[in-house]
Amino acid sequence: MNAMSFIPASSVACNVLSLSEAAAKVLETKQSGVREALNQLERLEHERKQWECDELESARQSLYAMLTECYSFYLVMKTHTVGEVRDQHKQALTAFLEAKGLAQSLANSHDMSRIVRAIFGVDRRRVSAYSIALRKALESGGLDSQGKAKPLAAAAVASWLAEQGGVEEVRLGGKNSGMTAKQRAEVAQAALKDAVLMRIKPDPKTMPFGVDDTDRTVLLVAVYRPTGELEVSTVVKSDTAVRAALAAHYSADKEAVLAAAQKAGLTQSIAAQTAVAIALDSATTAIAA
């Protein structure tokens, strides 16, 4: 055997070991980079959730405040007891629209639409949604002595919009079976009264709760993993968010929710509203057929 071609087994093992260590270092470096990138994504996801909880809620409140002012302007222009004040608001609106070049195109529009268009610009879809919502508020203040619908008080507009589930829910109106988001949420909450999927005891360091949270309904934002575990990432305590989630639960599985709600002792008032909703659904289905 040629001595030059003989390679000791120990030498081969050392080379393999050396290569494995080098490969491990490369892999470790790559994994470190992946971890950093993952940390960045997780941080951004956390910031997005915080933004949704804080910034979007703040933006919603600001929007409702502006819509309330538009609504109030309309009421003053239409119902103020002093005619001169009504005329001043009409003249101001006309002058404002003329300055924006909108007076002629909106000449035959509802005055609420003219006010909303003057403030929110030319986005027709947004203007239409806001106008429809505010015009429905004009009929949501109960009935007068003659049985006619009264305008909602301006001070109640923001809370009314929130209770209805927002501008879009008001705009959709009867498409949600004649029930508001609040009513659907009440039905769903009654159905879930005694339903318990699991019990967890949160770590107070990562999921803080206080005495005020006792028996309060909250939202847990969680992700289901292939391991069969649910990873809870945050707690949302906003009543508006909880109501929207319950209303969505009602819409997703209406028959089961209604059956469970009846077993849970659904109040007669909500039961009556539910009966109307079912009737409307049946009528709609029959017409479509």
Protein backbone atom coordinates (compact mmCIF):
# COMPACT_ATOMS: atom_id res chain seq x y z
CA MET A 1 0.00 0.00 0.00
CA ASN A 2 1.21 3.44 -0.86
CA ALA A 3 2.08 5.18 2.38
CA MET A 4 1.13 8.54 0.90
CA SER A 5 -2.50 7.38 0.39
CA PHE A 6 -2.97 6.14 3.96
CA ILE A 7 -5.05 8.49 6.15
CA PRO A 8 -5.47 7.50 9.81
CA ALA A 9 -9.01 7.06 11.02
CA SER A 10 -8.35 9.42 13.91
CA SER A 11 -7.46 12.19 11.43
CA VAL A 12 -10.77 11.72 9.56
CA ALA A 13 -12.70 11.90 12.81
CA CYS A 14 -10.94 15.11 13.79
CA ASN A 15 -11.77 16.71 10.43
CA VAL A 16 -15.42 15.68 10.71
CA LEU A 17 -15.59 17.05 14.24
CA SER A 18 -13.96 20.28 13.10
CA LEU A 19 -16.43 20.69 10.27
CA SER A 20 -19.36 19.98 12.57
CA GLU A 21 -18.23 22.68 14.98
CA ALA A 22 -17.83 25.16 12.17
CA ALA A 23 -21.25 24.31 10.81
CA ALA A 24 -22.74 24.68 14.28
CA LYS A 25 -21.20 28.15 14.62
CA VAL A 26 -22.62 29.19 11.26
CA LEU A 27 -26.02 27.81 12.22
CA GLU A 28 -25.89 29.55 15.58
CA THR A 29 -25.10 32.85 13.88
CA LYS A 30 -28.00 32.41 11.50
CA GLN A 31 -30.36 31.46 14.32
CA SER A 32 -29.26 34.53 16.24
CA GLY A 33 -30.21 36.70 13.27
CA VAL A 34 -33.57 34.95 12.98
CA ARG A 35 -34.22 35.49 16.68
CA GLU A 36 -33.48 39.20 16.35
CA ALA A 37 -35.82 39.45 13.36
CA LEU A 38 -38.52 37.54 15.24
CA ASN A 39 -38.12 39.80 18.25
CA GLN A 40 -38.62 42.79 15.97
CA LEU A 41 -41.81 41.29 14.50
CA GLU A 42 -43.17 40.41 17.94
CA ARG A 43 -42.40 43.93 19.20
CA LEU A 44 -44.20 45.45 16.22
CA GLU A 45 -47.18 43.14 16.76
CA HIS A 46 -47.36 44.22 20.40
CA GLU A 47 -47.18 47.89 19.39
CA ARG A 48 -49.93 47.33 16.82
CA LYS A 49 -52.22 45.80 19.45
CA GLN A 50 -51.50 48.65 21.81
CA TRP A 51 -52.21 51.09 18.98
CA GLU A 52 -55.53 49.41 18.27
CA CYS A 53 -56.50 49.59 21.94
CA ASP A 54 -55.36 53.17 22.49
CA GLU A 55 -55.00 55.16 19.29
CA LEU A 56 -58.01 53.76 17.44
CA GLU A 57 -60.21 54.23 20.48
CA SER A 58 -58.97 57.81 20.78
CA ALA A 59 -59.60 58.39 17.07
CA ARG A 60 -63.12 56.96 17.40
CA GLN A 61 -63.91 59.32 20.26
CA SER A 62 -62.56 62.27 18.26
CA LEU A 63 -64.71 61.29 15.28
CA TYR A 64 -67.83 61.01 17.43
CA ALA A 65 -67.10 64.42 18.92
CA MET A 66 -66.93 65.98 15.43
CA LEU A 67 -70.09 64.20 14.32
CA THR A 68 -71.81 65.46 17.46
CA GLU A 69 -70.89 69.03 16.52
CA CYS A 70 -72.22 68.52 12.99
CA TYR A 71 -75.44 67.15 14.45
CA SER A 72 -75.66 70.05 16.93
CA PHE A 73 -75.14 72.58 14.12
CA TYR A 74 -78.04 71.00 12.23
CA LEU A 75 -80.34 71.10 15.27
CA VAL A 76 -79.57 74.77 15.88
CA MET A 77 -80.15 75.57 12.23
CA LYS A 78 -83.50 73.75 12.25
CA THR A 79 -84.93 73.97 15.75
CA HIS A 80 -83.52 76.99 17.57
CA THR A 81 -86.35 79.08 19.02
CA VAL A 82 -84.85 82.32 17.70
CA GLY A 83 -85.36 82.72 13.96
CA GLU A 84 -82.35 85.00 13.58
CA VAL A 85 -80.06 82.31 14.96
CA ARG A 86 -81.47 79.75 12.54
CA ASP A 87 -80.92 82.15 9.63
CA GLN A 88 -77.34 82.86 10.71
CA HIS A 89 -76.49 79.16 10.64
CA LYS A 90 -78.15 78.72 7.23
CA GLN A 91 -76.26 81.67 5.78
CA ALA A 92 -72.98 80.46 7.29
CA LEU A 93 -73.43 76.98 5.80
CA THR A 94 -74.25 78.39 2.36
CA ALA A 95 -71.27 80.74 2.43
CA PHE A 96 -68.95 77.94 3.55
CA LEU A 97 -70.13 75.62 0.75
CA GLU A 98 -69.85 78.40 -1.83
CA ALA A 99 -66.28 79.07 -0.77
CA LYS A 100 -65.52 75.37 -1.33
CA GLY A 101 -67.35 75.29 -4.67
CA LEU A 102 -69.96 72.84 -3.38
CA ALA A 103 -73.07 74.98 -3.03
CA GLN A 104 -74.54 74.24 -6.47
CA SER A 105 -73.85 70.47 -6.46
CA LEU A 106 -75.41 70.09 -3.01
CA ALA A 107 -78.36 72.39 -3.60
CA ASN A 108 -80.89 69.53 -3.50
CA SER A 109 -79.16 67.45 -0.80
CA HIS A 110 -80.41 66.94 2.73
CA ASP A 111 -79.05 69.67 5.00
CA MET A 112 -77.36 67.06 7.22
CA SER A 113 -75.50 65.78 4.15
CA ARG A 114 -74.50 69.34 3.25
CA ILE A 115 -73.05 69.91 6.72
CA VAL A 116 -71.17 66.60 6.75
CA ARG A 117 -69.86 67.15 3.21
CA ALA A 118 -68.68 70.64 4.16
CA ILE A 119 -66.67 69.26 7.07
CA PHE A 120 -65.46 65.86 5.83
CA GLY A 121 -64.72 66.65 2.18
CA VAL A 122 -65.40 64.80 -1.05
CA ASP A 123 -65.07 61.17 0.06
CA ARG A 124 -68.62 60.26 -0.97
CA ARG A 125 -68.71 56.90 0.81
CA ARG A 126 -67.57 58.35 4.12
CA VAL A 127 -69.86 61.38 3.81
CA SER A 128 -72.80 59.11 3.00
CA ALA A 129 -72.15 56.84 6.00
CA TYR A 130 -71.82 59.74 8.43
CA SER A 131 -74.89 61.50 7.03
CA ILE A 132 -77.06 58.38 7.21
CA ALA A 133 -75.99 57.72 10.80
CA LEU A 134 -76.76 61.28 11.90
CA ARG A 135 -80.08 61.33 10.07
CA LYS A 136 -81.08 58.15 11.90
CA ALA A 137 -80.18 59.91 15.14
CA LEU A 138 -82.80 62.50 14.18
CA GLU A 139 -85.40 59.75 14.63
CA SER A 140 -83.96 58.03 17.71
CA GLY A 141 -85.00 60.37 20.53
CA GLY A 142 -88.26 58.60 21.32
CA LEU A 143 -91.77 59.75 20.44
CA ASP A 144 -93.46 63.07 21.10
CA SER A 145 -97.01 63.58 22.34
CA GLN A 146 -98.31 63.07 18.80
CA GLY A 147 -96.45 59.82 18.32
CA LYS A 148 -93.82 61.28 15.99
CA ALA A 149 -90.13 60.39 16.27
CA LYS A 150 -88.05 63.01 18.08
CA PRO A 151 -84.40 63.90 17.42
CA LEU A 152 -81.85 62.46 19.79
CA ALA A 153 -80.32 65.09 22.06
CA ALA A 154 -76.93 66.24 20.74
CA ALA A 155 -75.27 65.36 24.05
CA ALA A 156 -76.32 61.72 23.59
CA VAL A 157 -75.08 61.21 20.02
CA ALA A 158 -71.59 59.90 20.86
CA SER A 159 -72.81 57.34 23.40
CA TRP A 160 -75.66 56.36 21.06
CA LEU A 161 -73.25 55.66 18.20
CA ALA A 162 -71.08 53.54 20.50
CA GLU A 163 -74.10 51.58 21.76
CA GLN A 164 -75.21 50.88 18.19
CA GLY A 165 -71.79 49.45 17.37
CA GLY A 166 -70.50 52.44 15.43
CA VAL A 167 -71.33 54.42 12.31
CA GLU A 168 -71.21 51.41 10.00
CA GLU A 169 -73.65 49.42 12.13
CA VAL A 170 -76.09 52.34 12.11
CA ARG A 171 -75.69 52.72 8.35
CA LEU A 172 -76.40 49.02 7.74
CA GLY A 173 -79.56 49.22 9.83
CA GLY A 174 -81.94 46.38 9.04
CA LYS A 175 -79.25 44.22 7.45
CA ASN A 176 -78.43 42.98 10.95
CA SER A 177 -81.84 41.33 11.48
CA GLY A 178 -83.39 44.43 12.98
CA MET A 179 -81.21 44.22 16.09
CA THR A 180 -78.52 46.65 17.14
CA ALA A 181 -75.02 45.51 18.05
CA LYS A 182 -75.88 46.18 21.69
CA GLN A 183 -78.96 43.94 21.51
CA ARG A 184 -77.04 41.12 19.80
CA ALA A 185 -74.31 41.46 22.43
CA GLU A 186 -76.87 41.20 25.24
CA VAL A 187 -78.31 38.02 23.75
CA ALA A 188 -74.83 36.52 23.31
CA GLN A 189 -73.78 37.48 26.84
CA ALA A 190 -76.89 35.84 28.28
CA ALA A 191 -76.10 32.71 26.28
CA LEU A 192 -72.54 32.61 27.61
CA LYS A 193 -73.52 33.25 31.24
CA ASP A 194 -72.85 29.68 32.42
CA ALA A 195 -70.63 28.53 29.54
CA VAL A 196 -67.04 27.86 30.65
CA LEU A 197 -64.52 26.50 28.14
CA MET A 198 -61.55 26.63 30.50
CA ARG A 199 -60.27 28.32 33.63
CA ILE A 200 -56.89 30.02 33.87
CA LYS A 201 -55.25 31.91 36.69
CA PRO A 202 -53.30 34.80 35.16
CA ASP A 203 -49.92 35.94 36.37
CA PRO A 204 -50.55 39.41 37.89
CA LYS A 205 -47.17 40.59 36.60
CA THR A 206 -48.08 40.03 32.97
CA MET A 207 -51.89 40.20 33.09
CA PRO A 208 -52.91 42.70 35.77
CA PHE A 209 -56.41 42.60 37.20
CA GLY A 210 -57.94 44.54 40.08
CA VAL A 211 -60.99 44.47 42.29
CA ASP A 212 -62.91 46.54 39.74
CA ASP A 213 -62.46 43.72 37.21
CA THR A 214 -64.35 41.16 39.33
CA ASP A 215 -67.16 39.50 37.30
CA ARG A 216 -66.39 41.83 34.42
CA THR A 217 -66.34 40.50 30.85
CA VAL A 218 -63.01 41.10 29.10
CA LEU A 219 -61.38 39.96 25.87
CA LEU A 220 -58.28 37.77 25.78
CA VAL A 221 -56.36 38.07 22.51
CA ALA A 222 -54.85 34.64 21.95
CA VAL A 223 -53.14 32.59 19.24
CA TYR A 224 -53.67 28.84 18.85
CA ARG A 225 -50.40 26.95 18.41
CA PRO A 226 -49.73 23.50 16.83
CA THR A 227 -48.87 22.24 20.33
CA GLY A 228 -52.54 22.58 21.25
CA GLU A 229 -51.82 25.56 23.48
CA LEU A 230 -53.39 29.01 23.42
CA GLU A 231 -50.92 31.86 23.82
CA VAL A 232 -52.66 34.85 25.43
CA SER A 233 -50.90 38.04 24.38
CA THR A 234 -53.05 40.82 25.84
CA VAL A 235 -56.25 41.66 27.71
CA VAL A 236 -58.76 44.13 26.25
CA LYS A 237 -61.08 45.67 28.82
CA SER A 238 -62.86 48.13 26.53
CA ASP A 239 -66.64 47.71 26.86
CA THR A 240 -67.03 48.70 23.22
CA ALA A 241 -64.62 45.99 22.07
CA VAL A 242 -66.30 43.37 24.27
CA ARG A 243 -69.73 44.33 22.94
CA ALA A 244 -68.50 44.11 19.35
CA ALA A 245 -67.02 40.65 19.98
CA LEU A 246 -70.24 39.38 21.59
CA ALA A 247 -72.29 40.78 18.71
CA ALA A 248 -69.97 39.00 16.27
CA HIS A 249 -70.41 35.78 18.25
CA TYR A 250 -74.19 36.16 17.95
CA SER A 251 -73.99 36.68 14.17
CA ALA A 252 -71.61 33.73 13.68
CA ASP A 253 -73.79 31.13 15.44
CA LYS A 254 -77.21 32.72 15.90
CA GLU A 255 -79.34 29.59 16.39
CA ALA A 256 -77.12 28.10 19.09
CA VAL A 257 -76.77 31.47 20.82
CA LEU A 258 -80.54 32.02 20.90
CA ALA A 259 -81.18 28.53 22.27
CA ALA A 260 -78.56 28.97 25.00
CA ALA A 261 -79.82 32.47 25.81
CA GLN A 262 -83.35 31.18 26.34
CA LYS A 263 -82.05 28.53 28.75
CA ALA A 264 -80.12 31.24 30.59
CA GLY A 265 -83.35 33.17 31.28
CA LEU A 266 -83.29 35.78 28.53
CA THR A 267 -85.30 38.86 29.52
CA GLN A 268 -88.68 39.27 27.88
CA SER A 269 -87.72 42.55 26.22
CA ILE A 270 -84.73 41.04 24.45
CA ALA A 271 -86.70 37.89 23.68
CA ALA A 272 -89.31 40.01 21.92
CA GLN A 273 -86.65 41.78 19.90
CA THR A 274 -85.17 38.41 19.01
CA ALA A 275 -88.54 37.12 17.86
CA VAL A 276 -88.90 40.15 15.58
CA ALA A 277 -85.40 39.55 14.24
CA ILE A 278 -86.21 35.92 13.43
CA ALA A 279 -89.43 36.99 11.71
CA LEU A 280 -87.54 39.53 9.63
CA ASP A 281 -84.95 36.92 8.69
CA SER A 282 -87.69 34.48 7.66
CA ALA A 283 -89.47 37.12 5.60
CA THR A 284 -86.26 38.11 3.89
CA THR A 285 -85.47 34.47 3.06
CA ALA A 286 -88.95 33.92 1.66
CA ILE A 287 -88.75 37.01 -0.54
CA ALA A 288 -85.30 36.02 -1.78
CA ALA A 289 -86.59 32.54 -2.63
